[in-house]
Amino acid sequence: MDFYFVWTPRDPEPEEQYLWEIFPCCDGILLSKGYVTDELEKNIMRNGGIHNFLRWKGPIIGDSGTWLYKYEDEPPYSVRELLDYYIRLKIPIGAHLDHMILKTINVDGVKRELTPQEKKRRWEITLYNARETMELLSKEKFNHLKIIGVVQGWDVQSYREAAKELLDMGYEYLGVGGIARKPTSQLIKIIEGINKEINKLPSEKRKRIKIHLFGFARLHLIPFLMKRHVVSFDTAAPLRQAWESGKHNYHFANPWRSYTAIRIRLTRMKKCRKGLEKLEKETLETMYKFAEKMVSLEFALKKILDYERRILEVDGVELKKINKIIEILRKRYVRTLKDRPWEKCDCPICRKRGVDVIIFREGWRNGSRAYHNVRQFYLELNRIKRN
């Protein structure tokens, strides 16, 4: 089972050092068209294609970036435009132009449910584009491209029917979309349903079918999926959890476990925090002293929580809610401070940054923890695959 790292461009120029140049962290890279600006596209072409631009020799998958136009009635470009884009950037494997089927959408700031008719229309758009893609692939310009037929749906039956249609069209690499937020029980049923359609195929053809999961991060399902034609998946979850999760934002593999990073909020973020700069500095210094074993766990914990309480007070949070937050953080922080996980990691990030990796604060610290998380995710995946 191959893990594709979701690369999101920071600017149009090649990065000074990519994550995969620091340490092994993935089997492939996925790039969504929606993140590729005109300037970035020109620079990729100027560098001789996406592999040269990313300084990566392994597999690369491109997709249409359906998540970025999920609230639109239809995709913002045509099937031919997407295929031409794959050719220009020398992307060897690309997902066909699909459209995500959500439960709710946001239109002009108003949230509403998709009607059954709208869901069906998005489903039909995806299949119509799949047929057009197959027709264009027969043309010489596109015939060396490998295309993933994307399976979209809103329930198990619609996913299964979409998979059947794609298999009938001749697709041998299926990509299952729209699953990132689906319950695990439903995801399992969707995969089982797709496999039932695959198992209807003649033996030789059945052996050639592969499945990719878009936006999948549930490591405990890997053994189940490996027996059901799933050969690859992509996710940005371990990266984004470094700053988006309030609890599971520092991961550790073998065995898989997560810690809560120690938040030391920036006073400069809000005017109401003026006057707390000294306390902020003292709290940060306390974390460094704790890392050097110059102060006790109890002393560090009190300093951290006292500072958090003052921040919440000046931010206008009600007392009852503050007390609840502090007690939750106390339990989580005790575990983090007691285990000192940043000292047990041998990755270049943790060796270089030290305790800063476990401090939830600003860009470079959170970014360092994000890189660490991706490596740990990859290590755990490989452990699961070996067992």
Protein backbone atom coordinates (compact mmCIF):
# COMPACT_ATOMS: atom_id res chain seq x y z
CA MET A 1 0.00 0.00 0.00
CA ASP A 2 1.66 3.22 -1.18
CA PHE A 3 1.27 6.55 0.59
CA TYR A 4 1.11 9.67 -1.58
CA PHE A 5 2.08 12.89 0.17
CA VAL A 6 -0.26 15.76 -0.74
CA TRP A 7 2.04 18.57 -1.84
CA THR A 8 0.56 22.06 -1.53
CA PRO A 9 2.72 24.74 -3.21
CA ARG A 10 3.85 27.62 -1.01
CA ASP A 11 5.00 29.82 -3.89
CA PRO A 12 5.77 29.45 -7.60
CA GLU A 13 9.47 28.71 -7.12
CA PRO A 14 11.01 25.33 -6.22
CA GLU A 15 11.52 24.96 -2.47
CA GLU A 16 15.03 25.14 -1.07
CA GLN A 17 14.50 21.73 0.52
CA TYR A 18 11.47 19.48 0.18
CA LEU A 19 10.28 17.22 2.96
CA TRP A 20 11.24 14.06 1.04
CA GLU A 21 14.81 15.40 0.76
CA ILE A 22 15.08 15.56 4.54
CA PHE A 23 14.03 11.94 5.17
CA PRO A 24 11.98 9.16 3.52
CA CYS A 25 8.35 10.06 4.17
CA CYS A 26 6.23 8.83 1.25
CA ASP A 27 6.01 6.53 -1.77
CA GLY A 28 4.60 9.14 -4.12
CA ILE A 29 3.36 12.71 -4.39
CA LEU A 30 -0.10 14.04 -5.26
CA LEU A 31 -0.67 17.50 -6.73
CA SER A 32 -4.11 19.07 -7.20
CA LYS A 33 -4.61 21.35 -10.20
CA GLY A 34 -6.55 23.86 -8.13
CA TYR A 35 -3.35 24.87 -6.33
CA VAL A 36 -1.36 25.42 -9.51
CA THR A 37 -1.30 29.09 -10.47
CA ASP A 38 -0.36 30.24 -13.97
CA GLU A 39 3.03 31.37 -12.68
CA LEU A 40 3.68 28.04 -10.96
CA GLU A 41 2.68 26.12 -14.08
CA LYS A 42 5.13 28.15 -16.19
CA ASN A 43 7.93 27.51 -13.70
CA ILE A 44 7.22 23.78 -13.63
CA MET A 45 7.37 23.68 -17.43
CA ARG A 46 10.53 25.82 -17.42
CA ASN A 47 12.15 23.27 -15.08
CA GLY A 48 11.34 20.43 -17.47
CA GLY A 49 8.22 19.06 -15.77
CA ILE A 50 6.90 18.18 -12.35
CA HIS A 51 9.53 15.55 -11.49
CA ASN A 52 12.39 17.99 -12.07
CA PHE A 53 10.58 20.78 -10.24
CA LEU A 54 9.99 18.62 -7.15
CA ARG A 55 13.36 16.84 -7.46
CA TRP A 56 11.48 13.56 -7.07
CA LYS A 57 12.07 10.35 -9.05
CA GLY A 58 9.11 8.38 -7.72
CA PRO A 59 5.47 8.26 -8.87
CA ILE A 60 3.33 11.41 -9.05
CA ILE A 61 -0.46 11.59 -9.30
CA GLY A 62 -2.33 14.67 -10.43
CA ASP A 63 -5.99 15.37 -9.81
CA SER A 64 -8.48 18.07 -10.72
CA GLY A 65 -8.72 19.51 -7.21
CA THR A 66 -12.41 18.78 -6.80
CA TRP A 67 -12.29 19.80 -3.12
CA LEU A 68 -11.52 23.36 -4.23
CA TYR A 69 -14.62 23.66 -6.42
CA LYS A 70 -16.93 21.49 -4.35
CA TYR A 71 -19.53 24.27 -3.97
CA GLU A 72 -19.72 24.98 -7.71
CA ASP A 73 -22.42 23.50 -9.94
CA GLU A 74 -19.79 21.95 -12.20
CA PRO A 75 -16.00 21.77 -12.60
CA PRO A 76 -14.32 25.03 -13.69
CA TYR A 77 -12.51 23.48 -16.66
CA SER A 78 -13.09 20.85 -19.32
CA VAL A 79 -11.86 17.29 -19.68
CA ARG A 80 -9.52 18.31 -22.50
CA GLU A 81 -8.13 21.23 -20.50
CA LEU A 82 -7.28 18.89 -17.61
CA LEU A 83 -5.59 16.34 -19.89
CA ASP A 84 -3.65 19.12 -21.64
CA TYR A 85 -2.50 20.31 -18.22
CA TYR A 86 -1.24 16.81 -17.34
CA ILE A 87 0.72 16.73 -20.60
CA ARG A 88 2.25 20.18 -20.14
CA LEU A 89 3.47 19.42 -16.62
CA LYS A 90 4.51 15.86 -17.53
CA ILE A 91 2.28 14.37 -14.86
CA PRO A 92 2.29 10.62 -15.67
CA ILE A 93 -0.81 9.55 -13.73
CA GLY A 94 -3.89 11.74 -13.46
CA ALA A 95 -7.37 11.42 -12.05
CA HIS A 96 -10.16 12.12 -14.51
CA LEU A 97 -12.28 15.26 -14.11
CA ASP A 98 -14.77 14.48 -11.35
CA HIS A 99 -17.21 16.34 -9.12
CA MET A 100 -17.62 15.76 -5.40
CA ILE A 101 -21.03 14.82 -3.98
CA LEU A 102 -21.49 16.42 -0.57
CA LYS A 103 -24.30 16.30 1.93
CA THR A 104 -24.28 20.09 2.29
CA ILE A 105 -22.81 22.98 0.31
CA ASN A 106 -22.20 26.64 1.06
CA VAL A 107 -23.64 29.14 -1.40
CA ASP A 108 -23.01 32.86 -0.80
CA GLY A 109 -22.39 32.14 2.87
CA VAL A 110 -25.58 30.13 3.27
CA LYS A 111 -25.31 26.44 4.12
CA ARG A 112 -27.86 24.10 2.58
CA GLU A 113 -28.25 20.42 1.70
CA LEU A 114 -27.76 19.17 -1.82
CA THR A 115 -31.04 17.94 -3.26
CA PRO A 116 -31.26 14.34 -4.56
CA GLN A 117 -31.43 15.80 -8.08
CA GLU A 118 -28.22 17.81 -7.52
CA LYS A 119 -26.42 14.76 -6.17
CA LYS A 120 -27.49 12.73 -9.20
CA ARG A 121 -26.37 15.48 -11.56
CA ARG A 122 -22.87 15.62 -10.00
CA TRP A 123 -22.71 11.81 -10.23
CA GLU A 124 -23.67 11.96 -13.91
CA ILE A 125 -21.15 14.76 -14.62
CA THR A 126 -18.38 12.59 -13.19
CA LEU A 127 -19.36 9.60 -15.35
CA TYR A 128 -19.88 11.73 -18.48
CA ASN A 129 -16.37 13.16 -18.02
CA ALA A 130 -15.00 9.65 -17.54
CA ARG A 131 -16.41 8.60 -20.93
CA GLU A 132 -15.04 11.69 -22.66
CA THR A 133 -11.65 11.06 -21.05
CA MET A 134 -11.59 7.51 -22.42
CA GLU A 135 -12.40 8.81 -25.91
CA LEU A 136 -9.57 11.36 -25.78
CA LEU A 137 -7.06 8.82 -24.46
CA SER A 138 -7.22 7.03 -27.79
CA LYS A 139 -5.69 10.09 -29.45
CA GLU A 140 -1.92 10.08 -29.89
CA LYS A 141 -1.39 13.22 -27.79
CA PHE A 142 -2.80 11.58 -24.68
CA ASN A 143 -2.27 7.86 -25.19
CA HIS A 144 0.75 7.59 -22.87
CA LEU A 145 -1.18 9.04 -19.92
CA LYS A 146 -2.38 6.71 -17.19
CA ILE A 147 -5.77 7.85 -15.94
CA ILE A 148 -7.50 7.02 -12.68
CA GLY A 149 -11.27 6.74 -13.01
CA VAL A 150 -12.72 8.52 -9.98
CA VAL A 151 -15.64 6.86 -8.20
CA GLN A 152 -17.99 9.36 -6.59
CA GLY A 153 -21.29 8.75 -4.79
CA TRP A 154 -23.45 9.66 -1.83
CA ASP A 155 -24.28 6.18 -0.51
CA VAL A 156 -22.99 2.64 -0.92
CA GLN A 157 -25.22 1.85 -3.90
CA SER A 158 -24.30 4.98 -5.88
CA TYR A 159 -20.58 4.30 -5.32
CA ARG A 160 -21.04 0.71 -6.43
CA GLU A 161 -22.96 1.70 -9.57
CA ALA A 162 -20.34 4.32 -10.44
CA ALA A 163 -17.58 1.72 -10.07
CA LYS A 164 -19.45 -0.65 -12.38
CA GLU A 165 -19.79 2.08 -15.02
CA LEU A 166 -16.08 2.90 -14.86
CA LEU A 167 -15.07 -0.75 -15.06
CA ASP A 168 -17.33 -1.20 -18.09
CA MET A 169 -15.57 1.77 -19.72
CA GLY A 170 -12.25 -0.01 -19.30
CA TYR A 171 -10.71 1.77 -16.33
CA GLU A 172 -8.27 -0.46 -14.42
CA TYR A 173 -7.19 2.08 -11.79
CA LEU A 174 -10.10 3.38 -9.75
CA GLY A 175 -9.90 6.28 -7.31
CA VAL A 176 -12.50 6.56 -4.56
CA GLY A 177 -13.33 10.19 -3.76
CA GLY A 178 -15.41 12.01 -1.16
CA ILE A 179 -14.54 9.61 1.68
CA ALA A 180 -12.43 11.77 4.01
CA ARG A 181 -15.29 12.54 6.40
CA LYS A 182 -17.39 9.45 5.96
CA PRO A 183 -17.84 7.15 8.99
CA THR A 184 -15.52 4.15 8.99
CA SER A 185 -18.48 1.74 8.86
CA GLN A 186 -19.76 3.38 5.68
CA LEU A 187 -16.30 3.51 4.12
CA ILE A 188 -15.90 -0.24 4.66
CA LYS A 189 -19.26 -0.89 2.98
CA ILE A 190 -18.30 1.32 0.03
CA ILE A 191 -15.05 -0.57 -0.51
CA GLU A 192 -16.84 -3.90 -0.17
CA GLY A 193 -19.46 -2.75 -2.69
CA ILE A 194 -16.82 -1.72 -5.23
CA ASN A 195 -15.03 -5.03 -4.73
CA LYS A 196 -18.23 -6.93 -5.48
CA GLU A 197 -18.29 -5.24 -8.88
CA ILE A 198 -14.60 -6.02 -9.44
CA ASN A 199 -15.17 -9.67 -8.54
CA LYS A 200 -17.71 -9.96 -11.35
CA LEU A 201 -14.92 -9.44 -13.89
CA PRO A 202 -13.03 -12.32 -15.57
CA SER A 203 -10.07 -13.53 -13.52
CA GLU A 204 -7.32 -11.99 -15.67
CA LYS A 205 -8.97 -8.59 -15.81
CA ARG A 206 -9.82 -8.69 -12.11
CA LYS A 207 -6.15 -9.10 -11.24
CA ARG A 208 -5.28 -5.86 -13.04
CA ILE A 209 -7.72 -3.68 -11.11
CA LYS A 210 -6.23 -1.28 -8.57
CA ILE A 211 -7.86 1.19 -6.19
CA HIS A 212 -6.58 4.52 -4.87
CA LEU A 213 -8.27 6.26 -1.93
CA PHE A 214 -8.38 10.07 -2.04
CA GLY A 215 -8.14 11.74 1.38
CA PHE A 216 -7.72 8.57 3.45
CA ALA A 217 -5.81 8.48 6.77
CA ARG A 218 -7.18 5.58 8.86
CA LEU A 219 -4.14 3.40 9.44
CA HIS A 220 -6.07 0.73 11.35
CA LEU A 221 -7.93 -0.16 8.12
CA ILE A 222 -4.77 -0.86 6.10
CA PRO A 223 -4.76 -4.67 6.62
CA PHE A 224 -8.41 -4.84 5.53
CA LEU A 225 -7.86 -2.64 2.48
CA MET A 226 -4.74 -4.46 1.27
CA LYS A 227 -6.91 -7.52 0.64
CA ARG A 228 -9.41 -5.54 -1.43
CA HIS A 229 -7.45 -4.18 -4.40
CA VAL A 230 -6.45 -0.96 -2.61
CA VAL A 231 -2.84 -0.23 -3.58
CA SER A 232 -2.46 3.47 -2.77
CA PHE A 233 -3.92 6.43 -0.90
CA ASP A 234 -3.17 10.08 -0.22
CA THR A 235 -3.75 12.31 2.76
CA ALA A 236 -2.63 15.62 4.24
CA ALA A 237 -4.07 14.71 7.66
CA PRO A 238 -0.84 14.05 9.63
CA LEU A 239 0.58 17.32 8.29
CA ARG A 240 -2.47 19.46 9.01
CA GLN A 241 -3.13 17.91 12.42
CA ALA A 242 0.02 19.63 13.67
CA TRP A 243 -1.89 22.91 13.85
CA GLU A 244 -5.55 21.98 13.28
CA SER A 245 -6.03 19.38 16.01
CA GLY A 246 -6.43 20.55 19.58
CA LYS A 247 -5.42 17.19 21.01
CA HIS A 248 -3.71 14.84 18.55
CA ASN A 249 -1.09 17.11 17.05
CA TYR A 250 2.25 15.33 17.70
CA HIS A 251 2.40 11.74 16.49
CA PHE A 252 4.71 8.89 17.34
CA ALA A 253 4.99 5.53 15.60
CA ASN A 254 5.78 1.96 16.72
CA PRO A 255 3.28 1.79 18.33
CA TRP A 256 1.10 4.61 17.01
CA ARG A 257 0.21 7.22 19.63
CA SER A 258 -0.40 10.94 19.78
CA TYR A 259 0.45 13.73 22.18
CA THR A 260 -0.92 17.21 22.73
CA ALA A 261 1.56 19.96 21.90
CA ILE A 262 2.05 22.64 24.55
CA ARG A 263 0.30 25.83 23.44
CA ILE A 264 1.99 29.10 24.35
CA ARG A 265 -0.16 31.72 22.68
CA LEU A 266 1.20 34.84 21.02
CA THR A 267 0.26 38.07 22.79
CA ARG A 268 0.70 40.08 19.59
CA MET A 269 -2.24 38.30 17.94
CA LYS A 270 -4.84 40.36 19.87
CA LYS A 271 -4.83 43.89 21.27
CA CYS A 272 -6.56 42.73 24.44
CA ARG A 273 -3.45 40.69 25.32
CA LYS A 274 -1.27 43.77 25.65
CA GLY A 275 0.46 43.71 29.01
CA LEU A 276 0.97 39.94 29.02
CA GLU A 277 4.20 40.03 26.99
CA LYS A 278 6.40 39.46 30.04
CA LEU A 279 4.34 36.46 31.15
CA GLU A 280 4.48 35.08 27.61
CA LYS A 281 8.27 35.34 27.55
CA GLU A 282 8.57 33.75 30.99
CA THR A 283 6.32 30.83 29.94
CA LEU A 284 8.36 30.17 26.83
CA GLU A 285 11.59 30.33 28.84
CA THR A 286 10.09 27.90 31.36
CA MET A 287 9.54 25.34 28.58
CA TYR A 288 13.17 25.67 27.56
CA LYS A 289 14.29 25.26 31.18
CA PHE A 290 12.05 22.21 31.54
CA ALA A 291 13.64 20.71 28.42
CA GLU A 292 17.06 21.23 30.05
CA LYS A 293 15.71 19.67 33.28
CA MET A 294 16.30 22.89 35.17
CA VAL A 295 12.73 23.07 36.53
CA SER A 296 10.25 20.39 37.62
CA LEU A 297 7.24 19.14 35.71
CA GLU A 298 4.95 20.64 38.34
CA PHE A 299 6.59 24.07 38.06
CA ALA A 300 6.44 24.05 34.24
CA LEU A 301 2.84 22.84 34.16
CA LYS A 302 1.70 25.56 36.60
CA LYS A 303 3.44 28.27 34.60
CA ILE A 304 1.94 27.06 31.30
CA LEU A 305 -1.60 26.76 32.66
CA ASP A 306 -1.43 30.07 34.54
CA TYR A 307 -0.46 31.79 31.31
CA GLU A 308 -3.23 30.04 29.38
CA ARG A 309 -5.76 31.09 32.03
CA ARG A 310 -4.69 34.75 31.79
CA ILE A 311 -4.94 34.64 27.99
CA LEU A 312 -8.44 33.17 28.13
CA GLU A 313 -9.50 35.76 30.72
CA VAL A 314 -8.39 38.77 28.67
CA ASP A 315 -9.87 37.16 25.54
CA GLY A 316 -13.25 37.33 27.28
CA VAL A 317 -13.94 33.63 27.81
CA GLU A 318 -16.39 32.97 30.64
CA LEU A 319 -14.97 31.58 33.90
CA LYS A 320 -16.87 28.28 33.80
CA LYS A 321 -15.53 27.52 30.33
CA ILE A 322 -12.00 28.58 31.32
CA ASN A 323 -11.97 26.15 34.26
CA LYS A 324 -13.12 23.34 31.99
CA ILE A 325 -10.43 24.09 29.39
CA ILE A 326 -7.68 24.27 32.00
CA GLU A 327 -8.61 20.89 33.48
CA ILE A 328 -8.65 19.25 30.05
CA LEU A 329 -5.26 20.76 29.19
CA ARG A 330 -3.84 19.73 32.57
CA LYS A 331 -4.47 16.03 31.86
CA ARG A 332 -3.11 16.25 28.32
CA TYR A 333 -0.05 18.32 29.19
CA VAL A 334 0.96 16.11 32.10
CA ARG A 335 1.28 13.17 29.70
CA THR A 336 3.28 15.21 27.20
CA LEU A 337 5.63 16.67 29.79
CA LYS A 338 6.06 13.37 31.59
CA ASP A 339 6.88 11.33 28.46
CA ARG A 340 9.06 14.03 26.81
CA PRO A 341 8.46 12.48 23.36
CA TRP A 342 10.59 15.02 21.44
CA GLU A 343 13.66 13.49 23.13
CA LYS A 344 12.78 9.99 21.90
CA CYS A 345 12.49 10.85 18.21
CA ASP A 346 15.58 10.42 16.04
CA CYS A 347 14.30 12.36 13.01
CA PRO A 348 16.43 15.33 11.81
CA ILE A 349 13.57 17.70 12.66
CA CYS A 350 13.38 16.73 16.33
CA ARG A 351 17.16 16.53 16.67
CA LYS A 352 17.49 20.05 15.28
CA ARG A 353 14.47 21.75 16.85
CA GLY A 354 14.35 19.92 20.18
CA VAL A 355 11.55 21.00 22.49
CA ASP A 356 10.33 23.61 19.96
CA VAL A 357 8.71 20.75 18.01
CA ILE A 358 6.26 20.18 20.86
CA ILE A 359 5.46 23.90 21.34
CA PHE A 360 2.23 24.96 19.63
CA ARG A 361 2.95 28.54 18.72
CA GLU A 362 3.76 29.93 15.29
CA GLY A 363 4.62 28.92 11.74
CA TRP A 364 8.07 27.40 11.97
CA ARG A 365 7.36 25.42 15.14
CA ASN A 366 4.04 24.06 13.86
CA GLY A 367 5.63 23.41 10.47
CA SER A 368 8.44 21.42 12.07
CA ARG A 369 5.91 19.31 13.99
CA ALA A 370 3.94 18.79 10.77
CA TYR A 371 7.01 17.39 8.99
CA HIS A 372 7.74 15.15 11.98
CA ASN A 373 4.15 13.87 11.87
CA VAL A 374 4.37 12.88 8.20
CA ARG A 375 7.50 10.82 8.87
CA GLN A 376 5.90 9.09 11.86
CA PHE A 377 2.79 8.33 9.79
CA TYR A 378 4.98 6.76 7.10
CA LEU A 379 6.95 4.72 9.64
CA GLU A 380 3.74 3.37 11.16
CA LEU A 381 2.34 2.53 7.74
CA ASN A 382 5.46 0.54 6.89
CA ARG A 383 5.29 -1.29 10.22
CA ILE A 384 1.69 -2.29 9.51
CA LYS A 385 2.58 -3.46 5.99
CA ARG A 386 5.40 -5.66 7.34
CA ASN A 387 3.20 -7.40 9.93
